Amino acid sequence: MTLVARSRDRGVETLALDSPATRNALSAALVGELADALTDCGKDGDVRAVVLTHTGTTFCAGADLRDPPAPDALVALLRQIVQLRKPVIARVTGHVRAGGLGLLAACDITAASRDSTFAFTEVRIGVAPAVISLTVLPRTDPRTLARYYLTGERFTAPEAARAGLLTTYGDDVDEALAPVLDGLRRSSPQGLAETKALLTARVLEAFDRDAADLTALSARLFATPQAREGMTAFLERRDPVWVL
């Protein structure tokens, strides 16, 4: 079953995460299929830009706790989005949680509907937003981010924009994106590639410096008793034992 739907319009390739039954959670299979689709886009000279979007009410719920990708595979996917020599635009019309925010932050331009919601929920299951920090930390305001990293609270599109996670938002996300896509279609492939390289240099430095340590941290945390309790509580739809 295809987990990433693909379509094209005037040089813009749309990749839609298409596993609504799992809220587009990052399973090993979905990560692999999205990576393959991005590779194809990178090789296709007719693709000017990529839009990453979703079916269903959730852009991405984070890691699939029943079939999680290997930490190295998630790191590779995030780096692939950042390193792709074509702009990647996130189009969100729903909710984004945990690892989904890593995908969002990896994109060059991000747009959401006004009623979208966001949350870094890792702390609530006993782990930390380790791997996704590779894309999130270089692109966000640290004071705003600290609150949502530490509390796991849901926050709104205006707050996500204030933090630096969103470029734009509106009642109609496609209306908000229309001038962006028009601008990309008017830009030269070489100009886009080299300009993106300038914009992503600091993010790639974070990968080179921190990826191994953050991957190790993620693996260590997921193997702890607290993480096991947190994941079990999440799957059983109950509070973990540490809730006061």
C-alpha atoms as a PDB file:
ATOM      1  CA  MET A   1       0.000   0.000   0.000  1.00  0.00           C
ATOM      2  CA  THR A   2       1.335   3.403  -0.984  1.00  0.00           C
ATOM      3  CA  LEU A   3       2.047   5.633   2.016  1.00  0.00           C
ATOM      4  CA  VAL A   4       3.088   8.724   0.043  1.00  0.00           C
ATOM      5  CA  ALA A   5       0.776  10.020  -2.688  1.00  0.00           C
ATOM      6  CA  ARG A   6       2.418  11.961  -5.512  1.00  0.00           C
ATOM      7  CA  SER A   7       1.118  14.539  -7.972  1.00  0.00           C
ATOM      8  CA  ARG A   8       2.571  17.389 -10.055  1.00  0.00           C
ATOM      9  CA  ASP A   9       1.384  20.784 -11.239  1.00  0.00           C
ATOM     10  CA  ARG A  10       3.541  23.142 -13.289  1.00  0.00           C
ATOM     11  CA  GLY A  11       6.840  21.890 -11.908  1.00  0.00           C
ATOM     12  CA  VAL A  12       5.729  21.590  -8.280  1.00  0.00           C
ATOM     13  CA  GLU A  13       5.723  17.993  -7.039  1.00  0.00           C
ATOM     14  CA  THR A  14       3.349  17.333  -4.145  1.00  0.00           C
ATOM     15  CA  LEU A  15       4.188  14.503  -1.756  1.00  0.00           C
ATOM     16  CA  ALA A  16       1.285  13.763   0.577  1.00  0.00           C
ATOM     17  CA  LEU A  17       1.788  11.579   3.634  1.00  0.00           C
ATOM     18  CA  ASP A  18      -1.076   9.153   3.110  1.00  0.00           C
ATOM     19  CA  SER A  19      -1.538   6.977   6.188  1.00  0.00           C
ATOM     20  CA  PRO A  20      -4.466   8.690   7.934  1.00  0.00           C
ATOM     21  CA  ALA A  21      -5.314   5.574   9.962  1.00  0.00           C
ATOM     22  CA  THR A  22      -2.034   6.058  11.862  1.00  0.00           C
ATOM     23  CA  ARG A  23      -2.233   9.873  11.766  1.00  0.00           C
ATOM     24  CA  ASN A  24       0.700   9.741   9.332  1.00  0.00           C
ATOM     25  CA  ALA A  25       2.994   8.524  12.096  1.00  0.00           C
ATOM     26  CA  LEU A  26       6.596   8.003  11.046  1.00  0.00           C
ATOM     27  CA  SER A  27       6.815   4.241  10.600  1.00  0.00           C
ATOM     28  CA  ALA A  28       9.857   2.581   9.082  1.00  0.00           C
ATOM     29  CA  ALA A  29       7.868   2.047   5.878  1.00  0.00           C
ATOM     30  CA  LEU A  30       6.643   5.640   5.594  1.00  0.00           C
ATOM     31  CA  VAL A  31      10.119   7.059   6.236  1.00  0.00           C
ATOM     32  CA  GLY A  32      11.567   4.781   3.562  1.00  0.00           C
ATOM     33  CA  GLU A  33       8.909   5.648   0.999  1.00  0.00           C
ATOM     34  CA  LEU A  34       9.210   9.386   1.606  1.00  0.00           C
ATOM     35  CA  ALA A  35      12.994   9.162   1.265  1.00  0.00           C
ATOM     36  CA  ASP A  36      12.601   7.362  -2.078  1.00  0.00           C
ATOM     37  CA  ALA A  37      10.137   9.985  -3.330  1.00  0.00           C
ATOM     38  CA  LEU A  38      12.506  12.813  -2.371  1.00  0.00           C
ATOM     39  CA  THR A  39      15.361  11.057  -4.160  1.00  0.00           C
ATOM     40  CA  ASP A  40      13.230  10.879  -7.309  1.00  0.00           C
ATOM     41  CA  CYS A  41      12.409  14.580  -7.037  1.00  0.00           C
ATOM     42  CA  GLY A  42      16.074  15.437  -6.665  1.00  0.00           C
ATOM     43  CA  LYS A  43      16.938  13.619  -9.879  1.00  0.00           C
ATOM     44  CA  ASP A  44      14.030  14.966 -11.946  1.00  0.00           C
ATOM     45  CA  GLY A  45      14.930  18.114 -13.823  1.00  0.00           C
ATOM     46  CA  ASP A  46      11.260  18.933 -14.361  1.00  0.00           C
ATOM     47  CA  VAL A  47      10.670  19.348 -10.610  1.00  0.00           C
ATOM     48  CA  ARG A  48      11.222  22.958  -9.528  1.00  0.00           C
ATOM     49  CA  ALA A  49      10.029  22.569  -5.926  1.00  0.00           C
ATOM     50  CA  VAL A  50       8.436  20.023  -3.595  1.00  0.00           C
ATOM     51  CA  VAL A  51       5.343  20.494  -1.435  1.00  0.00           C
ATOM     52  CA  LEU A  52       5.149  18.150   1.561  1.00  0.00           C
ATOM     53  CA  THR A  53       1.576  17.767   2.806  1.00  0.00           C
ATOM     54  CA  HIS A  54      -0.824  15.139   4.155  1.00  0.00           C
ATOM     55  CA  THR A  55      -4.185  13.425   3.945  1.00  0.00           C
ATOM     56  CA  GLY A  56      -6.465  13.298   6.990  1.00  0.00           C
ATOM     57  CA  THR A  57      -6.545  15.668   9.920  1.00  0.00           C
ATOM     58  CA  THR A  58      -2.926  15.212  11.041  1.00  0.00           C
ATOM     59  CA  PHE A  59       0.185  16.239   9.128  1.00  0.00           C
ATOM     60  CA  CYS A  60       2.293  13.847  11.214  1.00  0.00           C
ATOM     61  CA  ALA A  61       1.835  12.469  14.735  1.00  0.00           C
ATOM     62  CA  GLY A  62       5.545  11.756  15.264  1.00  0.00           C
ATOM     63  CA  ALA A  63       7.219   8.368  15.484  1.00  0.00           C
ATOM     64  CA  ASP A  64       5.054   5.289  15.075  1.00  0.00           C
ATOM     65  CA  LEU A  65       5.454   3.648  18.486  1.00  0.00           C
ATOM     66  CA  ARG A  66       4.412   0.257  17.072  1.00  0.00           C
ATOM     67  CA  ASP A  67       6.809   0.360  14.101  1.00  0.00           C
ATOM     68  CA  PRO A  68       9.354   3.116  14.714  1.00  0.00           C
ATOM     69  CA  PRO A  69      12.025   3.943  12.157  1.00  0.00           C
ATOM     70  CA  ALA A  70      15.644   3.437  13.106  1.00  0.00           C
ATOM     71  CA  PRO A  71      17.044   6.698  14.553  1.00  0.00           C
ATOM     72  CA  ASP A  72      19.642   6.774  11.769  1.00  0.00           C
ATOM     73  CA  ALA A  73      16.876   6.536   9.152  1.00  0.00           C
ATOM     74  CA  LEU A  74      15.039   9.519  10.626  1.00  0.00           C
ATOM     75  CA  VAL A  75      18.265  11.535  10.756  1.00  0.00           C
ATOM     76  CA  ALA A  76      18.916  10.662   7.112  1.00  0.00           C
ATOM     77  CA  LEU A  77      15.396  11.720   6.079  1.00  0.00           C
ATOM     78  CA  LEU A  78      15.643  15.074   7.845  1.00  0.00           C
ATOM     79  CA  ARG A  79      19.036  15.724   6.307  1.00  0.00           C
ATOM     80  CA  GLN A  80      17.736  14.725   2.878  1.00  0.00           C
ATOM     81  CA  ILE A  81      15.017  17.393   3.060  1.00  0.00           C
ATOM     82  CA  VAL A  82      17.499  20.039   4.195  1.00  0.00           C
ATOM     83  CA  GLN A  83      20.095  19.035   1.596  1.00  0.00           C
ATOM     84  CA  LEU A  84      17.758  18.572  -1.391  1.00  0.00           C
ATOM     85  CA  ARG A  85      18.798  21.104  -4.031  1.00  0.00           C
ATOM     86  CA  LYS A  86      15.205  22.186  -4.505  1.00  0.00           C
ATOM     87  CA  PRO A  87      12.965  24.089  -2.100  1.00  0.00           C
ATOM     88  CA  VAL A  88      10.702  21.954   0.076  1.00  0.00           C
ATOM     89  CA  ILE A  89       7.494  23.617   1.269  1.00  0.00           C
ATOM     90  CA  ALA A  90       5.358  22.210   4.075  1.00  0.00           C
ATOM     91  CA  ARG A  91       1.588  22.566   3.670  1.00  0.00           C
ATOM     92  CA  VAL A  92      -0.288  21.792   6.900  1.00  0.00           C
ATOM     93  CA  THR A  93      -4.065  21.691   7.334  1.00  0.00           C
ATOM     94  CA  GLY A  94      -4.215  19.814  10.628  1.00  0.00           C
ATOM     95  CA  HIS A  95      -2.170  18.810  13.624  1.00  0.00           C
ATOM     96  CA  VAL A  96       1.577  18.283  14.026  1.00  0.00           C
ATOM     97  CA  ARG A  97       3.128  16.415  16.918  1.00  0.00           C
ATOM     98  CA  ALA A  98       6.631  15.419  18.081  1.00  0.00           C
ATOM     99  CA  GLY A  99       8.657  14.032  15.155  1.00  0.00           C
ATOM    100  CA  GLY A 100       6.289  15.706  12.725  1.00  0.00           C
ATOM    101  CA  LEU A 101       7.713  19.020  13.908  1.00  0.00           C
ATOM    102  CA  GLY A 102      11.145  17.788  12.884  1.00  0.00           C
ATOM    103  CA  LEU A 103       9.814  17.290   9.348  1.00  0.00           C
ATOM    104  CA  LEU A 104       8.208  20.722   9.437  1.00  0.00           C
ATOM    105  CA  ALA A 105      11.418  22.414  10.575  1.00  0.00           C
ATOM    106  CA  ALA A 106      13.434  20.609   7.901  1.00  0.00           C
ATOM    107  CA  CYS A 107      11.382  22.311   5.178  1.00  0.00           C
ATOM    108  CA  ASP A 108      12.480  25.636   3.717  1.00  0.00           C
ATOM    109  CA  ILE A 109       9.080  27.349   3.779  1.00  0.00           C
ATOM    110  CA  THR A 110       6.196  26.292   6.016  1.00  0.00           C
ATOM    111  CA  ALA A 111       2.508  27.190   5.831  1.00  0.00           C
ATOM    112  CA  ALA A 112      -0.454  26.075   7.905  1.00  0.00           C
ATOM    113  CA  SER A 113      -4.138  26.723   8.306  1.00  0.00           C
ATOM    114  CA  ARG A 114      -5.046  28.972  11.215  1.00  0.00           C
ATOM    115  CA  ASP A 115      -6.696  26.117  13.141  1.00  0.00           C
ATOM    116  CA  SER A 116      -3.681  23.784  12.991  1.00  0.00           C
ATOM    117  CA  THR A 117      -2.142  22.800  16.325  1.00  0.00           C
ATOM    118  CA  PHE A 118       1.352  21.785  17.333  1.00  0.00           C
ATOM    119  CA  ALA A 119       3.014  20.023  20.288  1.00  0.00           C
ATOM    120  CA  PHE A 120       6.370  18.590  21.295  1.00  0.00           C
ATOM    121  CA  THR A 121       4.945  15.646  23.231  1.00  0.00           C
ATOM    122  CA  GLU A 122       8.184  13.749  23.855  1.00  0.00           C
ATOM    123  CA  VAL A 123       8.535  14.850  27.492  1.00  0.00           C
ATOM    124  CA  ARG A 124       5.123  13.382  28.261  1.00  0.00           C
ATOM    125  CA  ILE A 125       6.236   9.858  27.342  1.00  0.00           C
ATOM    126  CA  GLY A 126       9.582  10.047  29.115  1.00  0.00           C
ATOM    127  CA  VAL A 127      11.931  10.944  26.257  1.00  0.00           C
ATOM    128  CA  ALA A 128      13.272  14.145  24.686  1.00  0.00           C
ATOM    129  CA  PRO A 129      12.969  15.786  21.241  1.00  0.00           C
ATOM    130  CA  ALA A 130      16.512  14.675  20.501  1.00  0.00           C
ATOM    131  CA  VAL A 131      16.863  13.862  16.797  1.00  0.00           C
ATOM    132  CA  ILE A 132      14.372  16.494  15.644  1.00  0.00           C
ATOM    133  CA  SER A 133      16.424  19.147  17.441  1.00  0.00           C
ATOM    134  CA  LEU A 134      18.787  18.942  14.472  1.00  0.00           C
ATOM    135  CA  THR A 135      16.265  20.877  12.397  1.00  0.00           C
ATOM    136  CA  VAL A 136      14.196  22.592  15.093  1.00  0.00           C
ATOM    137  CA  LEU A 137      16.874  24.314  17.204  1.00  0.00           C
ATOM    138  CA  PRO A 138      18.682  26.216  14.411  1.00  0.00           C
ATOM    139  CA  ARG A 139      15.428  27.662  13.089  1.00  0.00           C
ATOM    140  CA  THR A 140      13.439  28.685  16.155  1.00  0.00           C
ATOM    141  CA  ASP A 141      13.400  31.254  18.930  1.00  0.00           C
ATOM    142  CA  PRO A 142      14.936  29.601  22.011  1.00  0.00           C
ATOM    143  CA  ARG A 143      12.769  31.349  24.618  1.00  0.00           C
ATOM    144  CA  THR A 144       9.509  30.465  22.895  1.00  0.00           C
ATOM    145  CA  LEU A 145      10.707  26.948  22.163  1.00  0.00           C
ATOM    146  CA  ALA A 146      11.757  26.276  25.778  1.00  0.00           C
ATOM    147  CA  ARG A 147       8.182  26.486  27.030  1.00  0.00           C
ATOM    148  CA  TYR A 148       6.792  24.013  24.510  1.00  0.00           C
ATOM    149  CA  TYR A 149       9.761  21.629  24.636  1.00  0.00           C
ATOM    150  CA  LEU A 150       9.495  21.411  28.433  1.00  0.00           C
ATOM    151  CA  THR A 151       5.719  21.290  28.908  1.00  0.00           C
ATOM    152  CA  GLY A 152       4.425  19.351  25.905  1.00  0.00           C
ATOM    153  CA  GLU A 153       1.572  21.877  25.641  1.00  0.00           C
ATOM    154  CA  ARG A 154      -0.397  22.291  22.457  1.00  0.00           C
ATOM    155  CA  PHE A 155       0.131  25.634  20.735  1.00  0.00           C
ATOM    156  CA  THR A 156      -1.489  27.477  17.871  1.00  0.00           C
ATOM    157  CA  ALA A 157      -0.413  28.527  14.383  1.00  0.00           C
ATOM    158  CA  PRO A 158       0.239  32.139  15.505  1.00  0.00           C
ATOM    159  CA  GLU A 159       2.485  30.826  18.291  1.00  0.00           C
ATOM    160  CA  ALA A 160       4.245  28.478  15.841  1.00  0.00           C
ATOM    161  CA  ALA A 161       4.897  31.446  13.566  1.00  0.00           C
ATOM    162  CA  ARG A 162       6.224  33.495  16.475  1.00  0.00           C
ATOM    163  CA  ALA A 163       8.589  30.662  17.377  1.00  0.00           C
ATOM    164  CA  GLY A 164       9.879  30.432  13.809  1.00  0.00           C
ATOM    165  CA  LEU A 165       8.301  27.076  12.951  1.00  0.00           C
ATOM    166  CA  LEU A 166       5.895  28.601  10.418  1.00  0.00           C
ATOM    167  CA  THR A 167       6.613  31.024   7.606  1.00  0.00           C
ATOM    168  CA  THR A 168       2.950  31.885   7.138  1.00  0.00           C
ATOM    169  CA  TYR A 169      -0.549  30.808   8.132  1.00  0.00           C
ATOM    170  CA  GLY A 170      -4.096  31.758   7.226  1.00  0.00           C
ATOM    171  CA  ASP A 171      -7.698  30.702   6.997  1.00  0.00           C
ATOM    172  CA  ASP A 172      -6.919  29.242   3.548  1.00  0.00           C
ATOM    173  CA  VAL A 173      -3.453  27.691   3.429  1.00  0.00           C
ATOM    174  CA  ASP A 174      -3.486  27.424  -0.365  1.00  0.00           C
ATOM    175  CA  GLU A 175      -4.239  31.112  -0.662  1.00  0.00           C
ATOM    176  CA  ALA A 176      -1.317  31.813   1.657  1.00  0.00           C
ATOM    177  CA  LEU A 177       0.958  29.607  -0.455  1.00  0.00           C
ATOM    178  CA  ALA A 178      -0.101  30.937  -3.864  1.00  0.00           C
ATOM    179  CA  PRO A 179       2.454  33.795  -4.042  1.00  0.00           C
ATOM    180  CA  VAL A 180       5.178  31.487  -2.692  1.00  0.00           C
ATOM    181  CA  LEU A 181       4.634  28.886  -5.406  1.00  0.00           C
ATOM    182  CA  ASP A 182       4.373  31.593  -8.061  1.00  0.00           C
ATOM    183  CA  GLY A 183       7.715  33.006  -6.942  1.00  0.00           C
ATOM    184  CA  LEU A 184       9.371  29.582  -7.064  1.00  0.00           C
ATOM    185  CA  ARG A 185       8.031  28.915 -10.561  1.00  0.00           C
ATOM    186  CA  ARG A 186       9.539  32.240 -11.697  1.00  0.00           C
ATOM    187  CA  SER A 187      12.977  31.439 -10.218  1.00  0.00           C
ATOM    188  CA  SER A 188      15.791  29.621 -11.988  1.00  0.00           C
ATOM    189  CA  PRO A 189      16.700  26.086 -10.834  1.00  0.00           C
ATOM    190  CA  GLN A 190      20.339  27.110 -10.332  1.00  0.00           C
ATOM    191  CA  GLY A 191      19.375  30.231  -8.399  1.00  0.00           C
ATOM    192  CA  LEU A 192      17.077  28.244  -6.131  1.00  0.00           C
ATOM    193  CA  ALA A 193      19.668  25.529  -5.483  1.00  0.00           C
ATOM    194  CA  GLU A 194      22.464  27.910  -4.576  1.00  0.00           C
ATOM    195  CA  THR A 195      20.239  30.178  -2.496  1.00  0.00           C
ATOM    196  CA  LYS A 196      18.911  27.198  -0.553  1.00  0.00           C
ATOM    197  CA  ALA A 197      22.500  26.108   0.116  1.00  0.00           C
ATOM    198  CA  LEU A 198      23.193  29.506   1.695  1.00  0.00           C
ATOM    199  CA  LEU A 199      20.100  29.257   3.885  1.00  0.00           C
ATOM    200  CA  THR A 200      20.710  25.705   5.102  1.00  0.00           C
ATOM    201  CA  ALA A 201      24.450  25.883   5.827  1.00  0.00           C
ATOM    202  CA  ARG A 202      23.943  26.377   9.588  1.00  0.00           C
ATOM    203  CA  VAL A 203      21.415  23.564   9.794  1.00  0.00           C
ATOM    204  CA  LEU A 204      23.796  21.155   8.082  1.00  0.00           C
ATOM    205  CA  GLU A 205      26.542  22.216  10.504  1.00  0.00           C
ATOM    206  CA  ALA A 206      24.262  21.021  13.318  1.00  0.00           C
ATOM    207  CA  PHE A 207      23.925  17.633  11.608  1.00  0.00           C
ATOM    208  CA  ASP A 208      27.690  17.291  11.222  1.00  0.00           C
ATOM    209  CA  ARG A 209      28.320  18.313  14.826  1.00  0.00           C
ATOM    210  CA  ASP A 210      25.428  16.756  16.762  1.00  0.00           C
ATOM    211  CA  ALA A 211      23.723  13.948  14.818  1.00  0.00           C
ATOM    212  CA  ALA A 212      25.670  11.071  16.367  1.00  0.00           C
ATOM    213  CA  ASP A 213      25.219  12.329  19.942  1.00  0.00           C
ATOM    214  CA  LEU A 214      21.510  13.044  19.534  1.00  0.00           C
ATOM    215  CA  THR A 215      20.883   9.676  17.895  1.00  0.00           C
ATOM    216  CA  ALA A 216      22.620   7.967  20.806  1.00  0.00           C
ATOM    217  CA  LEU A 217      20.590  10.028  23.288  1.00  0.00           C
ATOM    218  CA  SER A 218      17.339   9.047  21.579  1.00  0.00           C
ATOM    219  CA  ALA A 219      18.220   5.345  21.602  1.00  0.00           C
ATOM    220  CA  ARG A 220      19.242   5.494  25.280  1.00  0.00           C
ATOM    221  CA  LEU A 221      16.063   7.253  26.376  1.00  0.00           C
ATOM    222  CA  PHE A 222      13.713   4.938  24.483  1.00  0.00           C
ATOM    223  CA  ALA A 223      15.295   1.963  26.272  1.00  0.00           C
ATOM    224  CA  THR A 224      14.575   3.301  29.784  1.00  0.00           C
ATOM    225  CA  PRO A 225      11.803   2.154  32.148  1.00  0.00           C
ATOM    226  CA  GLN A 226      10.245   5.640  32.135  1.00  0.00           C
ATOM    227  CA  ALA A 227       9.974   5.612  28.347  1.00  0.00           C
ATOM    228  CA  ARG A 228       8.418   2.158  28.387  1.00  0.00           C
ATOM    229  CA  GLU A 229       5.852   3.354  30.915  1.00  0.00           C
ATOM    230  CA  GLY A 230       5.195   6.505  28.913  1.00  0.00           C
ATOM    231  CA  MET A 231       4.684   4.650  25.631  1.00  0.00           C
ATOM    232  CA  THR A 232       2.505   2.011  27.296  1.00  0.00           C
ATOM    233  CA  ALA A 233       0.365   4.697  28.914  1.00  0.00           C
ATOM    234  CA  PHE A 234       0.004   6.481  25.579  1.00  0.00           C
ATOM    235  CA  LEU A 235      -1.092   3.308  23.784  1.00  0.00           C
ATOM    236  CA  GLU A 236      -3.473   2.446  26.636  1.00  0.00           C
ATOM    237  CA  ARG A 237      -4.877   6.012  26.654  1.00  0.00           C
ATOM    238  CA  ARG A 238      -4.121   6.609  30.334  1.00  0.00           C
ATOM    239  CA  ASP A 239      -1.867   8.898  32.361  1.00  0.00           C
ATOM    240  CA  PRO A 240       1.642   7.601  33.082  1.00  0.00           C
ATOM    241  CA  VAL A 241       2.465   6.938  36.716  1.00  0.00           C
ATOM    242  CA  TRP A 242       4.408  10.187  37.196  1.00  0.00           C
ATOM    243  CA  VAL A 243       1.458  12.513  36.547  1.00  0.00           C
ATOM    244  CA  LEU A 244       0.700  14.479  39.738  1.00  0.00           C
END
